[in-house]
Amino acid sequence: MTVTKDRYTISTDKGRLDLAAIHAFLSTEAYWCLGIPMETVKRAVEGSLCFGVYHGDDQVGFARVITDCATIAYLGDVYILPEHRGKGLSKWLVGEIMGYAELKGLRRWVLLTRDAHELYRKFGWESVASPEKYMEVVDPEVYKR
């Protein structure tokens, strides 16, 4: 998939992804995965449906979806570089992801966010209705070892 708006493009072509740029942002700017190793980013990209956001040839944003394309999807690593924020790119990106043909009709979408709740609410996301049903294993020090 490739869609263009103004001078920006969203593409699912993994060949266009700038892994060094993705790693640079995630490992130094993304509160959820500071210090993530490049090899982990590579494996995550390989195992995910990825959406790159480009301004010309430069990658300025990213998101990935972990999914079986039938019942469930996890949306993660969503970002737009600071110098490109305020232009509606996050809304456009999330809208394109939610409307992506292979992801239509899923029973459940999940994500984790500390500060972007209002962005996701615009697309029908809500707080977990039954948090007592959810369980997790978290290792916040994993990238430090």
C-alpha atoms as a PDB file:
ATOM      1  CA  MET A   1       0.000   0.000   0.000  1.00  0.00           C
ATOM      2  CA  THR A   2       1.187   3.487  -0.818  1.00  0.00           C
ATOM      3  CA  VAL A   3      -0.892   6.616  -0.225  1.00  0.00           C
ATOM      4  CA  THR A   4       0.151  10.225  -0.695  1.00  0.00           C
ATOM      5  CA  LYS A   5      -1.140  13.432   0.864  1.00  0.00           C
ATOM      6  CA  ASP A   6       0.440  16.814   0.295  1.00  0.00           C
ATOM      7  CA  ARG A   7       4.183  16.040   0.206  1.00  0.00           C
ATOM      8  CA  TYR A   8       3.930  13.009   2.517  1.00  0.00           C
ATOM      9  CA  THR A   9       3.581   9.306   1.768  1.00  0.00           C
ATOM     10  CA  ILE A  10       2.569   6.319   3.874  1.00  0.00           C
ATOM     11  CA  SER A  11       3.833   2.965   2.622  1.00  0.00           C
ATOM     12  CA  THR A  12       3.820  -0.648   3.790  1.00  0.00           C
ATOM     13  CA  ASP A  13       6.862  -1.425   1.620  1.00  0.00           C
ATOM     14  CA  LYS A  14       9.447  -2.781   4.086  1.00  0.00           C
ATOM     15  CA  GLY A  15      12.144  -2.140   1.497  1.00  0.00           C
ATOM     16  CA  ARG A  16      11.674   1.597   2.009  1.00  0.00           C
ATOM     17  CA  LEU A  17      12.085   1.480   5.781  1.00  0.00           C
ATOM     18  CA  ASP A  18      15.122   3.237   7.198  1.00  0.00           C
ATOM     19  CA  LEU A  19      16.009   0.857  10.029  1.00  0.00           C
ATOM     20  CA  ALA A  20      18.762   3.142  11.293  1.00  0.00           C
ATOM     21  CA  ALA A  21      16.289   6.026  11.596  1.00  0.00           C
ATOM     22  CA  ILE A  22      13.670   3.836  13.276  1.00  0.00           C
ATOM     23  CA  HIS A  23      16.248   2.515  15.718  1.00  0.00           C
ATOM     24  CA  ALA A  24      17.592   6.008  16.414  1.00  0.00           C
ATOM     25  CA  PHE A  25      14.137   7.287  17.377  1.00  0.00           C
ATOM     26  CA  LEU A  26      13.003   4.237  19.333  1.00  0.00           C
ATOM     27  CA  SER A  27      16.243   3.783  21.258  1.00  0.00           C
ATOM     28  CA  THR A  28      16.690   7.446  22.252  1.00  0.00           C
ATOM     29  CA  GLU A  29      13.266   9.154  22.113  1.00  0.00           C
ATOM     30  CA  ALA A  30      10.518   6.567  22.678  1.00  0.00           C
ATOM     31  CA  TYR A  31       9.745   6.282  26.398  1.00  0.00           C
ATOM     32  CA  TRP A  32       8.415   2.758  25.886  1.00  0.00           C
ATOM     33  CA  CYS A  33      11.654   1.227  24.567  1.00  0.00           C
ATOM     34  CA  LEU A  34      14.632   3.427  25.385  1.00  0.00           C
ATOM     35  CA  GLY A  35      17.859   1.594  24.712  1.00  0.00           C
ATOM     36  CA  ILE A  36      16.276  -1.012  22.442  1.00  0.00           C
ATOM     37  CA  PRO A  37      19.048  -2.808  20.511  1.00  0.00           C
ATOM     38  CA  MET A  38      19.160  -2.550  16.705  1.00  0.00           C
ATOM     39  CA  GLU A  39      18.880  -6.337  16.380  1.00  0.00           C
ATOM     40  CA  THR A  40      15.620  -6.253  18.348  1.00  0.00           C
ATOM     41  CA  VAL A  41      14.246  -3.501  16.086  1.00  0.00           C
ATOM     42  CA  LYS A  42      15.175  -5.587  13.024  1.00  0.00           C
ATOM     43  CA  ARG A  43      13.396  -8.658  14.397  1.00  0.00           C
ATOM     44  CA  ALA A  44      10.352  -6.589  15.352  1.00  0.00           C
ATOM     45  CA  VAL A  45      10.125  -5.119  11.843  1.00  0.00           C
ATOM     46  CA  GLU A  46      10.536  -8.548  10.233  1.00  0.00           C
ATOM     47  CA  GLY A  47       7.649  -9.959  12.280  1.00  0.00           C
ATOM     48  CA  SER A  48       5.247  -7.049  11.855  1.00  0.00           C
ATOM     49  CA  LEU A  49       3.116  -5.268   9.301  1.00  0.00           C
ATOM     50  CA  CYS A  50       4.924  -1.922   9.080  1.00  0.00           C
ATOM     51  CA  PHE A  51       3.806   1.532   7.996  1.00  0.00           C
ATOM     52  CA  GLY A  52       6.478   4.087   7.145  1.00  0.00           C
ATOM     53  CA  VAL A  53       5.722   7.793   6.820  1.00  0.00           C
ATOM     54  CA  TYR A  54       7.923   9.672   4.372  1.00  0.00           C
ATOM     55  CA  HIS A  55       8.558  13.273   3.397  1.00  0.00           C
ATOM     56  CA  GLY A  56      10.121  12.807  -0.003  1.00  0.00           C
ATOM     57  CA  ASP A  57      12.695  10.067   0.534  1.00  0.00           C
ATOM     58  CA  ASP A  58      13.176  10.816   4.246  1.00  0.00           C
ATOM     59  CA  GLN A  59      11.408   8.641   6.800  1.00  0.00           C
ATOM     60  CA  VAL A  60       9.621  10.884   9.310  1.00  0.00           C
ATOM     61  CA  GLY A  61       7.297   8.432  11.016  1.00  0.00           C
ATOM     62  CA  PHE A  62       6.570   4.805  11.677  1.00  0.00           C
ATOM     63  CA  ALA A  63       4.084   2.358  13.147  1.00  0.00           C
ATOM     64  CA  ARG A  64       3.861  -1.392  13.234  1.00  0.00           C
ATOM     65  CA  VAL A  65       1.085  -3.885  13.741  1.00  0.00           C
ATOM     66  CA  ILE A  66       1.523  -7.365  15.167  1.00  0.00           C
ATOM     67  CA  THR A  67      -1.410  -9.413  13.923  1.00  0.00           C
ATOM     68  CA  ASP A  68      -2.797 -12.692  12.641  1.00  0.00           C
ATOM     69  CA  CYS A  69      -4.878 -10.634  10.128  1.00  0.00           C
ATOM     70  CA  ALA A  70      -7.963 -12.530  11.286  1.00  0.00           C
ATOM     71  CA  THR A  71      -8.835 -11.878  14.926  1.00  0.00           C
ATOM     72  CA  ILE A  72      -6.439  -9.549  16.746  1.00  0.00           C
ATOM     73  CA  ALA A  73      -3.887  -6.784  16.218  1.00  0.00           C
ATOM     74  CA  TYR A  74      -1.467  -4.949  18.483  1.00  0.00           C
ATOM     75  CA  LEU A  75      -0.538  -1.430  17.361  1.00  0.00           C
ATOM     76  CA  GLY A  76       2.852  -0.258  18.533  1.00  0.00           C
ATOM     77  CA  ASP A  77       5.876   1.952  17.995  1.00  0.00           C
ATOM     78  CA  VAL A  78       3.778   4.770  16.544  1.00  0.00           C
ATOM     79  CA  TYR A  79       5.716   7.996  16.094  1.00  0.00           C
ATOM     80  CA  ILE A  80       6.153  11.089  13.961  1.00  0.00           C
ATOM     81  CA  LEU A  81       9.431  12.993  14.220  1.00  0.00           C
ATOM     82  CA  PRO A  82       9.030  16.218  16.242  1.00  0.00           C
ATOM     83  CA  GLU A  83       9.759  18.540  13.315  1.00  0.00           C
ATOM     84  CA  HIS A  84       6.845  17.018  11.351  1.00  0.00           C
ATOM     85  CA  ARG A  85       4.253  17.042  14.148  1.00  0.00           C
ATOM     86  CA  GLY A  86       1.259  19.362  14.121  1.00  0.00           C
ATOM     87  CA  LYS A  87       0.414  18.562  10.495  1.00  0.00           C
ATOM     88  CA  GLY A  88      -2.168  15.834  11.111  1.00  0.00           C
ATOM     89  CA  LEU A  89       0.261  13.045  10.216  1.00  0.00           C
ATOM     90  CA  SER A  90      -0.509  10.941  13.302  1.00  0.00           C
ATOM     91  CA  LYS A  91      -4.236  11.068  12.585  1.00  0.00           C
ATOM     92  CA  TRP A  92      -3.635  10.237   8.947  1.00  0.00           C
ATOM     93  CA  LEU A  93      -1.322   7.342   9.871  1.00  0.00           C
ATOM     94  CA  VAL A  94      -3.691   5.808  12.419  1.00  0.00           C
ATOM     95  CA  GLY A  95      -6.613   6.243   9.995  1.00  0.00           C
ATOM     96  CA  GLU A  96      -4.725   4.442   7.222  1.00  0.00           C
ATOM     97  CA  ILE A  97      -3.776   1.630   9.599  1.00  0.00           C
ATOM     98  CA  MET A  98      -7.323   1.202  10.914  1.00  0.00           C
ATOM     99  CA  GLY A  99      -8.655   1.195   7.339  1.00  0.00           C
ATOM    100  CA  TYR A 100      -6.041  -1.179   5.934  1.00  0.00           C
ATOM    101  CA  ALA A 101      -7.822  -3.966   4.032  1.00  0.00           C
ATOM    102  CA  GLU A 102      -5.981  -6.879   5.689  1.00  0.00           C
ATOM    103  CA  LEU A 103      -6.944  -5.547   9.134  1.00  0.00           C
ATOM    104  CA  LYS A 104     -10.668  -5.129   8.533  1.00  0.00           C
ATOM    105  CA  GLY A 105     -13.053  -7.213  10.639  1.00  0.00           C
ATOM    106  CA  LEU A 106     -10.696  -7.969  13.510  1.00  0.00           C
ATOM    107  CA  ARG A 107     -12.366  -8.853  16.800  1.00  0.00           C
ATOM    108  CA  ARG A 108      -9.846  -6.945  18.926  1.00  0.00           C
ATOM    109  CA  TRP A 109      -7.200  -4.240  18.645  1.00  0.00           C
ATOM    110  CA  VAL A 110      -4.871  -3.432  21.545  1.00  0.00           C
ATOM    111  CA  LEU A 111      -2.199  -0.849  22.239  1.00  0.00           C
ATOM    112  CA  LEU A 112      -0.355   0.781  25.089  1.00  0.00           C
ATOM    113  CA  THR A 113       0.061   4.542  25.376  1.00  0.00           C
ATOM    114  CA  ARG A 114       1.062   6.949  28.109  1.00  0.00           C
ATOM    115  CA  ASP A 115      -0.010  10.176  26.439  1.00  0.00           C
ATOM    116  CA  ALA A 116      -1.881   9.736  23.142  1.00  0.00           C
ATOM    117  CA  HIS A 117      -5.288   8.593  24.384  1.00  0.00           C
ATOM    118  CA  GLU A 118      -7.163  11.410  22.644  1.00  0.00           C
ATOM    119  CA  LEU A 119      -5.600  10.579  19.273  1.00  0.00           C
ATOM    120  CA  TYR A 120      -6.756   6.970  19.494  1.00  0.00           C
ATOM    121  CA  ARG A 121     -10.220   7.816  20.871  1.00  0.00           C
ATOM    122  CA  LYS A 122     -10.920   9.569  17.546  1.00  0.00           C
ATOM    123  CA  PHE A 123     -10.720   6.129  15.933  1.00  0.00           C
ATOM    124  CA  GLY A 124     -12.981   4.324  18.400  1.00  0.00           C
ATOM    125  CA  TRP A 125     -10.371   3.171  20.906  1.00  0.00           C
ATOM    126  CA  GLU A 126     -11.486   3.006  24.540  1.00  0.00           C
ATOM    127  CA  SER A 127      -9.930   2.133  27.869  1.00  0.00           C
ATOM    128  CA  VAL A 128      -9.934  -1.594  28.574  1.00  0.00           C
ATOM    129  CA  ALA A 129     -13.471  -2.556  29.606  1.00  0.00           C
ATOM    130  CA  SER A 130     -12.431  -5.505  31.772  1.00  0.00           C
ATOM    131  CA  PRO A 131      -8.895  -4.909  33.027  1.00  0.00           C
ATOM    132  CA  GLU A 132      -9.249  -7.852  35.413  1.00  0.00           C
ATOM    133  CA  LYS A 133      -9.132 -10.154  32.363  1.00  0.00           C
ATOM    134  CA  TYR A 134      -5.783  -8.846  31.128  1.00  0.00           C
ATOM    135  CA  MET A 135      -2.478 -10.230  32.317  1.00  0.00           C
ATOM    136  CA  GLU A 136       1.070  -9.375  31.351  1.00  0.00           C
ATOM    137  CA  VAL A 137       4.697 -10.120  31.989  1.00  0.00           C
ATOM    138  CA  VAL A 138       6.807  -6.948  31.968  1.00  0.00           C
ATOM    139  CA  ASP A 139      10.578  -6.662  32.126  1.00  0.00           C
ATOM    140  CA  PRO A 140      11.431  -2.932  31.952  1.00  0.00           C
ATOM    141  CA  GLU A 141      15.155  -3.633  32.347  1.00  0.00           C
ATOM    142  CA  VAL A 142      15.415  -6.060  29.402  1.00  0.00           C
ATOM    143  CA  TYR A 143      17.319  -3.640  27.121  1.00  0.00           C
ATOM    144  CA  LYS A 144      19.790  -2.775  29.862  1.00  0.00           C
ATOM    145  CA  ARG A 145      21.025  -6.352  30.159  1.00  0.00           C
END
